[in-house]
Protein backbone atom coordinates (compact mmCIF):
# COMPACT_ATOMS: atom_id res chain seq x y z
CA MET A 1 49.22 80.24 88.43
CA ILE A 2 52.55 81.86 89.29
CA ASP A 3 55.14 82.36 86.55
CA VAL A 4 58.50 82.25 88.32
CA PRO A 5 60.61 84.15 85.70
CA THR A 6 58.03 86.95 85.61
CA THR A 7 57.96 87.09 89.41
CA TRP A 8 61.75 87.37 89.51
CA GLN A 9 61.70 90.13 86.87
CA GLN A 10 59.18 92.08 88.97
CA ALA A 11 61.37 91.68 92.06
CA CYS A 12 64.44 92.80 90.08
CA ALA A 13 62.59 95.89 88.84
CA ALA A 14 61.87 96.84 92.47
CA LEU A 15 65.49 96.13 93.47
CA ALA A 16 66.77 98.29 90.62
CA GLY A 17 64.96 101.21 92.25
CA GLY A 18 66.26 100.32 95.70
CA ASP A 19 62.82 99.20 96.87
CA TYR A 20 63.70 96.09 98.87
CA ASP A 21 60.36 95.97 100.68
CA THR A 22 58.46 95.65 97.41
CA ALA A 23 60.89 93.04 96.13
CA PHE A 24 60.34 90.91 99.22
CA ASP A 25 56.57 91.43 99.02
CA VAL A 26 56.56 90.24 95.40
CA LEU A 27 58.54 87.09 96.19
CA GLU A 28 56.75 86.25 99.43
CA SER A 29 53.34 86.80 97.87
CA ALA A 30 54.29 84.47 95.03
CA MET A 31 55.53 81.90 97.57
CA SER A 32 52.10 81.83 99.20
CA GLU A 33 50.31 81.22 95.88
CA ALA A 34 52.71 79.04 93.90
CA ARG A 35 52.85 75.29 93.69
CA LYS A 36 55.56 73.34 95.46
CA PRO A 37 58.23 73.22 92.66
CA GLU A 38 57.78 76.91 91.86
CA ARG A 39 57.95 77.77 95.56
CA ALA A 40 61.33 76.03 95.79
CA ARG A 41 62.74 78.18 92.98
CA ILE A 42 61.30 81.36 94.52
CA ALA A 43 62.94 80.42 97.83
CA LEU A 44 66.29 80.48 96.01
CA TYR A 45 65.53 83.96 94.71
CA LEU A 46 64.66 85.03 98.24
CA ALA A 47 68.02 83.67 99.37
CA SER A 48 69.71 85.71 96.63
CA VAL A 49 68.06 88.93 97.80
CA HIS A 50 68.83 88.22 101.46
CA ALA A 51 72.47 87.60 100.47
CA LEU A 52 72.71 91.25 99.38
CA TYR A 53 72.63 92.19 103.08
CA GLY A 54 75.93 90.35 103.63
CA ASP A 55 76.90 89.17 107.10
CA ALA A 56 73.75 90.68 108.62
CA ALA A 57 71.46 88.18 106.88
CA THR A 58 73.28 84.83 106.97
CA ALA A 59 70.46 83.30 109.06
CA GLU A 60 67.87 84.38 106.50
CA VAL A 61 69.93 83.02 103.60
CA GLY A 62 70.37 79.71 105.40
CA ALA A 63 66.63 79.47 106.16
CA ALA A 64 65.70 80.20 102.53
CA LEU A 65 68.11 77.54 101.26
CA ARG A 66 66.71 74.98 103.73
CA GLU A 67 63.20 75.76 102.57
CA ALA A 68 64.21 75.40 98.92
CA ARG A 69 65.76 71.95 99.36
CA THR A 70 62.88 70.80 101.58
CA LEU A 71 60.36 71.80 98.93
CA ASP A 72 62.42 70.23 96.12
CA PRO A 73 65.34 67.96 97.16
CA ALA A 74 66.52 67.92 93.54
CA LEU A 75 67.63 71.55 93.96
CA ARG A 76 70.66 70.32 95.93
CA GLY A 77 72.34 69.91 92.55
CA ASP A 78 71.13 73.23 91.10
CA ALA A 79 73.86 75.74 90.20
CA LEU A 80 72.16 78.66 91.96
CA TYR A 81 71.60 76.62 95.13
CA LEU A 82 75.23 75.49 95.12
CA ALA A 83 76.53 79.01 94.49
CA LEU A 84 74.44 80.51 97.29
CA SER A 85 75.51 77.70 99.63
CA ALA A 86 79.17 78.40 98.78
CA GLU A 87 78.70 82.12 99.45
CA LEU A 88 77.04 81.39 102.79
CA ASP A 89 79.87 79.04 103.76
CA ALA A 90 82.49 81.60 102.73
CA ARG A 91 80.86 84.25 104.89
CA SER A 92 81.23 82.06 107.95
CA ARG A 93 84.51 80.24 107.22
CA GLY A 94 86.43 82.52 104.87
CA PRO A 95 89.42 80.79 103.23
CA ASP A 96 88.43 77.46 104.84
CA ALA A 97 85.08 77.37 103.01
CA ALA A 98 84.19 74.78 100.38
CA LEU A 99 84.63 76.46 97.01
CA PRO A 100 82.03 76.38 94.21
CA ALA A 101 82.75 73.70 91.63
CA GLN A 102 83.87 74.60 88.14
CA GLY A 103 80.44 73.67 86.77
CA VAL A 104 78.86 76.29 89.03
CA ARG A 105 81.39 78.90 87.95
CA GLU A 106 80.51 78.21 84.31
CA ALA A 107 76.74 77.76 84.83
CA PRO A 108 74.38 79.13 82.14
CA ASP A 109 72.55 81.07 84.87
CA PRO A 110 74.37 84.42 85.37
CA LEU A 111 72.84 84.74 88.84
CA ALA A 112 74.58 81.51 89.86
CA ARG A 113 77.88 82.78 88.45
CA PHE A 114 77.47 86.05 90.37
CA HIS A 115 77.07 84.25 93.69
CA ALA A 116 79.94 81.89 92.81
CA LEU A 117 82.14 84.93 92.21
CA SER A 118 81.02 86.41 95.55
CA ALA A 119 81.87 83.15 97.28
CA LEU A 120 85.37 83.06 95.79
CA ALA A 121 86.04 86.68 96.74
CA LEU A 122 84.93 86.01 100.31
CA ALA A 123 87.09 82.88 100.42
CA GLU A 124 90.12 85.00 99.45
CA ARG A 125 90.44 83.47 95.99
CA PRO A 126 90.51 86.76 94.08
CA GLN A 127 92.04 85.54 90.82
CA GLU A 128 89.58 82.64 90.58
CA ALA A 129 86.74 85.09 91.15
CA LEU A 130 88.02 87.39 88.41
CA ASP A 131 88.32 84.42 86.05
CA ILE A 132 84.53 83.91 86.08
CA HIS A 133 83.09 85.15 82.80
CA LEU A 134 80.18 87.42 83.64
CA PRO A 135 79.37 90.24 81.18
CA LEU A 136 77.58 93.10 82.92
CA PRO A 137 74.47 93.11 80.67
CA GLU A 138 73.69 89.50 81.64
CA LEU A 139 72.92 90.58 85.19
CA PRO A 140 69.83 92.41 86.46
CA PRO A 141 70.58 96.11 87.13
CA HIS A 142 70.69 95.79 90.93
CA LEU A 143 73.66 93.40 90.67
CA ARG A 144 75.75 95.31 88.14
CA TRP A 145 77.36 97.74 90.57
CA ARG A 146 77.80 94.91 93.05
CA LEU A 147 79.65 92.85 90.44
CA ARG A 148 82.09 95.69 89.82
CA SER A 149 82.48 96.16 93.58
CA TRP A 150 83.37 92.48 94.07
CA GLN A 151 85.80 92.66 91.16
CA ALA A 152 87.37 95.83 92.60
CA ASP A 153 87.76 94.06 95.94
CA CYS A 154 89.49 91.16 94.18
CA GLU A 155 91.90 93.45 92.34
CA GLU A 156 92.66 95.14 95.66
CA GLN A 157 93.36 91.75 97.26
CA LEU A 158 95.83 91.11 94.43
CA GLY A 159 97.52 94.47 94.97
CA HIS A 160 96.26 95.87 91.65
CA LEU A 161 95.20 99.19 93.17
CA GLN A 162 94.81 101.25 90.02
CA GLU A 163 92.56 98.58 88.49
CA ALA A 164 90.52 98.58 91.70
CA VAL A 165 90.09 102.36 91.49
CA HIS A 166 88.69 102.07 87.95
CA LEU A 167 86.29 99.30 88.97
CA TYR A 168 85.00 101.22 91.99
CA ALA A 169 84.42 104.21 89.71
CA GLU A 170 82.42 101.98 87.37
CA ALA A 171 80.51 100.53 90.34
CA ALA A 172 79.66 104.08 91.43
CA HIS A 173 78.40 104.82 87.91
CA HIS A 174 75.96 101.90 88.06
CA ALA A 175 74.89 102.49 91.68
CA GLY A 176 72.61 105.14 93.10
CA GLY A 177 72.07 107.05 96.33
CA LEU A 178 73.96 105.85 99.37
CA ASN A 179 75.41 102.86 97.47
CA ARG A 180 76.97 105.25 94.98
CA ALA A 181 78.45 107.28 97.83
CA ILE A 182 79.93 104.12 99.36
CA MET A 183 81.52 103.09 96.06
CA LEU A 184 83.04 106.56 95.62
CA GLN A 185 84.42 106.32 99.16
CA GLU A 186 85.91 102.88 98.50
CA GLY A 187 87.67 104.32 95.46
CA ALA A 188 88.85 107.31 97.47
CA ALA A 189 90.35 105.03 100.12
CA ILE A 190 92.49 103.35 97.46
CA LEU A 191 93.44 106.68 95.88
CA LEU A 192 94.77 107.69 99.31
CA GLN A 193 96.86 104.51 99.39
CA LEU A 194 98.24 105.50 95.99
CA GLY A 195 99.16 108.94 97.27
CA GLN A 196 96.59 110.64 95.03
CA ALA A 197 95.07 112.89 97.68
CA ALA A 198 93.60 115.49 95.31
CA GLU A 199 91.79 112.79 93.31
CA ALA A 200 90.55 111.20 96.54
CA HIS A 201 89.26 114.56 97.76
CA SER A 202 87.40 115.06 94.47
CA ALA A 203 85.72 111.64 94.74
CA LEU A 204 84.74 112.41 98.32
CA GLU A 205 83.19 115.71 97.28
CA GLN A 206 81.00 113.79 94.82
CA ALA A 207 80.05 111.31 97.54
CA ARG A 208 79.08 113.99 100.09
CA SER A 209 76.32 115.37 97.88
CA LEU A 210 74.59 111.96 97.93
CA TYR A 211 73.88 112.03 101.67
CA THR A 212 70.32 113.14 102.33
CA GLY A 213 70.05 112.80 106.11
CA ARG A 214 66.94 110.66 105.65
CA ASP A 215 68.49 107.18 105.46
CA PRO A 216 69.15 105.57 108.89
CA GLU A 217 72.11 103.70 107.37
CA GLU A 218 73.91 106.94 106.54
CA GLY A 219 75.42 107.48 110.02
CA LEU A 220 78.42 105.14 109.99
CA ASN A 221 79.00 105.65 106.27
CA LEU A 222 79.13 109.40 106.86
CA ALA A 223 81.61 108.74 109.69
CA THR A 224 83.75 106.90 107.12
CA TRP A 225 83.39 109.87 104.76
CA HIS A 226 84.77 112.24 107.41
CA TYR A 227 87.54 109.75 108.28
CA LEU A 228 88.66 109.59 104.64
CA SER A 229 88.30 113.35 104.24
CA ALA A 230 90.61 113.88 107.22
CA GLN A 231 93.27 111.75 105.53
CA ALA A 232 92.89 113.59 102.22
CA LEU A 233 93.02 117.02 103.87
CA LEU A 234 96.08 116.04 105.89
CA ALA A 235 97.85 114.86 102.75
CA LEU A 236 96.91 118.14 101.06
CA GLY A 237 98.59 120.12 103.84
CA LYS A 238 95.42 121.21 105.65
CA PRO A 239 95.81 119.77 109.17
CA GLU A 240 93.33 122.18 110.81
CA ALA A 241 90.57 121.13 108.41
CA ALA A 242 91.64 117.50 108.89
CA LEU A 243 91.23 117.92 112.66
CA GLU A 244 87.67 119.17 112.20
CA ALA A 245 86.89 116.21 109.92
CA ILE A 246 88.32 113.55 112.24
CA ARG A 247 86.46 115.01 115.22
CA GLU A 248 83.21 114.69 113.29
CA ALA A 249 84.11 111.12 112.27
CA ASP A 250 84.63 110.26 115.94
CA ARG A 251 81.34 111.90 116.97
CA LEU A 252 79.36 110.00 114.33
CA GLU A 253 81.04 106.71 115.23
CA ARG A 254 80.15 107.12 118.88
CA GLU A 255 76.58 108.11 117.99
CA HIS A 256 75.98 105.19 115.62
CA GLY A 257 78.43 102.52 116.78
CA ASP A 258 81.75 102.13 118.57
CA PRO A 259 85.04 104.06 118.40
CA SER A 260 87.32 102.54 115.77
CA TYR A 261 91.03 101.94 115.44
CA GLY A 262 91.22 103.86 112.16
CA VAL A 263 89.69 107.09 113.45
CA ALA A 264 91.90 107.10 116.56
CA LEU A 265 95.00 106.46 114.44
CA VAL A 266 94.28 109.25 111.95
CA TRP A 267 93.44 111.62 114.82
CA GLY A 268 96.88 110.88 116.24
CA GLN A 269 98.47 111.58 112.86
CA VAL A 270 96.65 114.91 112.63
CA MET A 271 97.86 115.92 116.10
CA THR A 272 101.42 114.96 115.11
CA HIS A 273 101.22 117.28 112.09
CA LEU A 274 99.96 120.05 114.37
CA GLY A 275 102.95 119.49 116.68
CA GLN A 276 100.76 118.38 119.61
CA HIS A 277 102.73 115.24 120.37
CA GLU A 278 101.29 114.46 123.83
CA LYS A 279 97.76 114.49 122.39
CA ALA A 280 98.96 112.43 119.42
CA LEU A 281 100.37 109.85 121.82
CA ALA A 282 97.02 109.56 123.62
CA HIS A 283 95.19 108.91 120.36
CA PHE A 284 97.73 106.30 119.22
CA GLU A 285 97.33 104.55 122.58
CA ALA A 286 93.55 104.61 122.05
CA ALA A 287 94.05 103.11 118.59
CA LEU A 288 96.21 100.34 120.04
CA SER A 289 93.56 99.54 122.66
CA VAL A 290 90.95 98.70 119.98
CA ALA A 291 93.28 97.39 117.24
CA THR A 292 92.89 93.91 115.81
CA GLU A 293 95.92 91.64 115.76
CA ALA A 294 96.55 92.67 112.14
CA ASP A 295 96.36 96.38 113.00
CA ARG A 296 98.54 96.29 116.13
CA PRO A 297 101.90 96.76 114.30
CA TYR A 298 100.63 99.93 112.62
CA ALA A 299 99.49 101.41 115.95
CA LEU A 300 102.73 100.37 117.66
CA HIS A 301 104.79 101.99 114.88
CA GLU A 302 102.87 105.27 115.22
CA LEU A 303 103.31 105.07 119.02
CA GLY A 304 107.04 104.56 118.61
CA VAL A 305 107.38 107.59 116.34
CA ALA A 306 105.23 109.71 118.69
CA LEU A 307 107.48 108.76 121.60
CA LEU A 308 110.51 109.75 119.52
CA ASP A 309 108.84 113.11 118.84
CA LEU A 310 108.59 113.50 122.62
CA ASP A 311 112.29 112.56 122.94
CA ARG A 312 111.55 109.33 124.80
CA PRO A 313 113.82 106.99 122.81
CA VAL A 314 113.93 104.15 125.36
CA GLU A 315 110.14 103.73 125.31
CA ALA A 316 110.06 104.30 121.56
CA ARG A 317 112.60 101.54 121.02
CA GLU A 318 110.45 99.07 122.96
CA LYS A 319 107.44 99.73 120.69
CA LEU A 320 109.50 99.66 117.50
CA GLU A 321 111.22 96.38 118.36
CA ALA A 322 107.79 94.82 118.84
CA VAL A 323 106.86 95.96 115.32
CA LEU A 324 110.12 94.66 113.87
CA ALA A 325 109.29 91.23 115.32
CA ASP A 326 106.32 91.00 112.92
CA PRO A 327 107.78 89.75 109.60
CA ASP A 328 104.56 90.59 107.73
CA TYR A 329 104.60 94.30 108.59
CA PRO A 330 105.15 96.07 105.23
CA TYR A 331 107.12 99.04 106.59
CA GLN A 332 110.04 97.18 108.11
CA PRO A 333 112.68 99.47 106.49
CA GLU A 334 111.00 102.54 108.03
CA VAL A 335 110.96 100.82 111.43
CA LEU A 336 114.70 100.19 111.09
CA ALA A 337 115.24 103.87 110.32
CA ASP A 338 113.23 104.83 113.39
CA LEU A 339 115.25 102.39 115.52
CA ALA A 340 118.41 104.02 114.15
CA GLU A 341 117.02 107.37 115.31
CA CYS A 342 116.48 105.85 118.79
CA ASP A 343 120.10 104.71 118.88
CA TYR A 344 121.27 108.14 117.77
CA ARG A 345 119.24 109.86 120.50
CA LEU A 346 120.77 107.44 123.02
CA GLY A 347 124.30 108.33 121.86
CA ARG A 348 124.93 104.93 120.27
CA LEU A 349 126.39 106.35 117.07
CA GLN A 350 127.92 103.17 115.65
CA GLU A 351 124.70 101.18 116.13
CA ALA A 352 122.69 104.08 114.68
CA GLN A 353 124.87 104.18 111.59
CA GLN A 354 124.72 100.42 111.02
CA THR A 355 120.93 100.25 111.41
CA ALA A 356 120.41 103.34 109.24
CA GLU A 357 122.58 101.87 106.49
CA GLN A 358 120.48 98.71 106.65
CA ALA A 359 117.30 100.79 106.40
CA LEU A 360 118.73 102.75 103.47
CA ALA A 361 119.60 99.55 101.63
CA GLN A 362 116.04 98.28 102.14
CA GLY A 363 114.46 101.43 100.70
CA ALA A 364 113.72 103.78 103.63
CA VAL A 365 115.82 106.44 101.90
CA VAL A 366 114.65 109.67 103.54
CA PRO A 367 114.48 108.70 107.25
CA ALA A 368 117.67 106.64 107.02
CA SER A 369 119.53 109.48 105.29
CA LEU A 370 118.47 111.93 108.02
CA VAL A 371 119.99 109.67 110.67
CA LEU A 372 123.14 109.09 108.63
CA GLY A 373 123.49 112.85 108.17
CA SER A 374 123.24 113.39 111.94
CA VAL A 375 125.81 110.69 112.66
CA ALA A 376 128.21 112.09 110.04
CA LEU A 377 127.88 115.57 111.55
CA ASP A 378 128.68 114.23 115.02
CA TYR A 379 131.85 112.68 113.58
CA TYR A 380 132.45 115.98 111.75
CA HIS A 381 132.44 114.17 108.40
CA LEU A 382 130.97 117.19 106.62
CA ASP A 383 131.19 115.88 103.05
CA ASP A 384 129.35 112.70 104.03
CA ALA A 385 126.74 114.67 105.94
CA LEU A 386 126.10 116.94 102.95
CA GLU A 387 125.72 113.93 100.67
CA HIS A 388 123.07 112.46 102.99
CA TYR A 389 121.11 115.72 103.32
CA GLU A 390 121.17 116.37 99.59
CA ARG A 391 119.76 112.86 99.10
CA VAL A 392 116.94 113.81 101.48
CA VAL A 393 116.19 116.92 99.39
CA ARG A 394 116.09 114.84 96.20
CA GLU A 395 113.93 112.03 97.57
CA ALA A 396 111.55 113.69 100.05
CA ALA A 397 108.18 115.05 98.98
CA PRO A 398 108.54 118.77 98.13
CA ASP A 399 107.50 121.07 100.99
CA SER A 400 107.33 118.14 103.44
CA ARG A 401 108.93 118.40 106.88
CA ASP A 402 111.79 116.10 105.82
CA TRP A 403 112.37 118.12 102.64
CA ILE A 404 112.59 121.34 104.66
CA THR A 405 114.93 119.68 107.18
CA GLY A 406 117.13 118.48 104.30
CA HIS A 407 117.48 122.02 102.95
CA GLN A 408 118.10 123.48 106.42
CA MET A 409 120.83 120.96 107.21
CA ALA A 410 122.43 121.15 103.75
CA ALA A 411 122.69 124.95 104.06
CA ASP A 412 124.14 124.61 107.56
CA VAL A 413 126.72 122.02 106.52
CA MET A 414 127.79 124.21 103.60
CA ALA A 415 128.21 127.10 106.02
CA GLN A 416 130.44 124.93 108.22
CA GLN A 417 132.46 124.06 105.11
CA GLY A 418 133.09 127.76 104.52
CA PHE A 419 130.60 128.25 101.64
CA LYS A 420 132.77 126.48 99.07
CA ASP A 421 129.75 126.57 96.74
CA PRO A 422 127.92 129.76 97.76
CA ALA A 423 125.26 129.47 95.04
CA ALA A 424 124.23 126.01 96.24
CA ALA A 425 124.29 127.16 99.87
CA TYR A 426 122.15 130.16 98.93
CA ALA A 427 119.64 127.94 97.12
CA HIS A 428 119.31 125.56 100.08
CA ALA A 429 118.94 128.39 102.58
CA GLN A 430 116.39 130.18 100.41
CA GLN A 431 114.23 127.05 99.96
CA ALA A 432 114.34 126.32 103.69
CA LEU A 433 113.65 129.93 104.69
CA GLU A 434 110.46 130.04 102.59
CA HIS A 435 109.02 127.24 104.76
CA THR A 436 110.49 128.22 108.14
CA PRO A 437 108.38 130.50 110.38
CA GLU A 438 110.02 133.49 112.05
CA SER A 439 109.35 131.95 115.46
CA ASP A 440 111.60 129.01 114.58
CA ASP A 441 115.22 129.19 115.81
CA TRP A 442 116.28 128.16 112.32
CA HIS A 443 114.89 131.36 110.80
CA GLY A 444 117.71 133.64 112.01
CA THR A 445 120.37 131.03 111.21
CA LEU A 446 119.12 130.64 107.66
CA GLN A 447 118.99 134.40 107.14
CA ASP A 448 122.65 134.62 108.20
CA HIS A 449 123.59 131.80 105.78
CA LEU A 450 121.66 133.54 103.01
CA LYS A 451 123.44 136.87 103.54
CA LYS A 452 126.92 135.32 103.71
CA ALA A 453 126.30 133.17 100.61
CA ALA A 454 124.95 136.20 98.74
CA ALA A 455 127.96 138.30 99.73
CA LEU A 456 130.35 135.60 98.53
CA MET A 457 128.46 135.24 95.26
CA GLY A 458 128.75 139.00 94.75
CA GLN A 459 132.50 138.92 95.44
CA ASN A 460 132.91 136.05 92.98
CA GLY A 461 130.91 137.80 90.30
CA GLY A 462 128.19 135.21 90.65
CA ARG A 463 124.60 135.82 89.61
CA MET A 464 122.27 136.67 92.46
CA LEU A 465 119.34 134.34 92.82
CA ASN A 466 115.82 135.74 93.19
């Protein structure tokens, strides 16, 4: 005689060790020996295990649920059956799926509540999923990291990125092997969104050590690892290392699947940082060719900026206007600033100023201020230009290209003003010079500004700056 709870415990013990084959053997062996009512319950457990494979096993989940209700029609009202059915529906219909009833969400069976939570997350009802009370110890070990992963996904859907990072870290703690690596990578992806590149890089270093080269599922996940590493390295100011990483991501993708939008986009960004704008343009065009409808505005924006870098403002404007037409694109102020730059390049100073002021008001402070500084210089409004460039210096990330440009232009404007404040001019020129290579035309100009400012400071009895 088969004892169903014991059978499920044996399957869970195998799943806790990542041994899916044994778990299936235990359940299927019990199915062949058990009586009809017990077989129906075991079929539900089989459906639960199949559900762990996600979209790849919807047919198997559906078959197991059909078998369960055929063996015992009364199971149609069972909380676990209803929760699994809701999850299956959500996988195929997303937000249009029938949601699990409140009774299922509050069922005594924690396994039913787990699948109800999964269904709500898949149906894009993150807060309702998070509202399900499901203490971690109530679940078998193989579901604990998955619970935290679902909850992290829900927090991410709600825009609570820091909470999602913590939950992915907890998921990684409860997971093992490749699953742990994947959870660390999910957390790293959000850390990159938060601008925490060093922390993301650290998480990725932990994840890399978990790849053994023996698991056939490692290929695409390792491609993701290299893709994320490229972003972290780029943010940490290491574009050459980022280029090596994104090349490897592309190679692994092509070996184990298809080229992706994300890899092409990041490759383009790396080439932009390396000053290879024609190559960047080619990668952004490749990204656009495989982008989903939701991703198209991002690829178009990158294309527009790349075309600006190549001094092709007419083509750039066409791409940027297409992005601006999408009201859901989150970087509308930056697009406005880029459009202002197009107008400036085309000699339309009044339009450039108006659009840049609009971008500034909406929060694109650095790119809008750069355009406004250029326009003010063309009108020879030196005080206004200096104000804009000093705002760039204050707001841009230290050592970034915009920050360096801000210092260069502030020093140059002060020189045109006759070094009224030589100490400030010296400071701007010095900061810019430290980040300007000798091959750059700016290098000689900045050295001249530095010498003249220093001479004036000496005449005025000012303190020389180191």
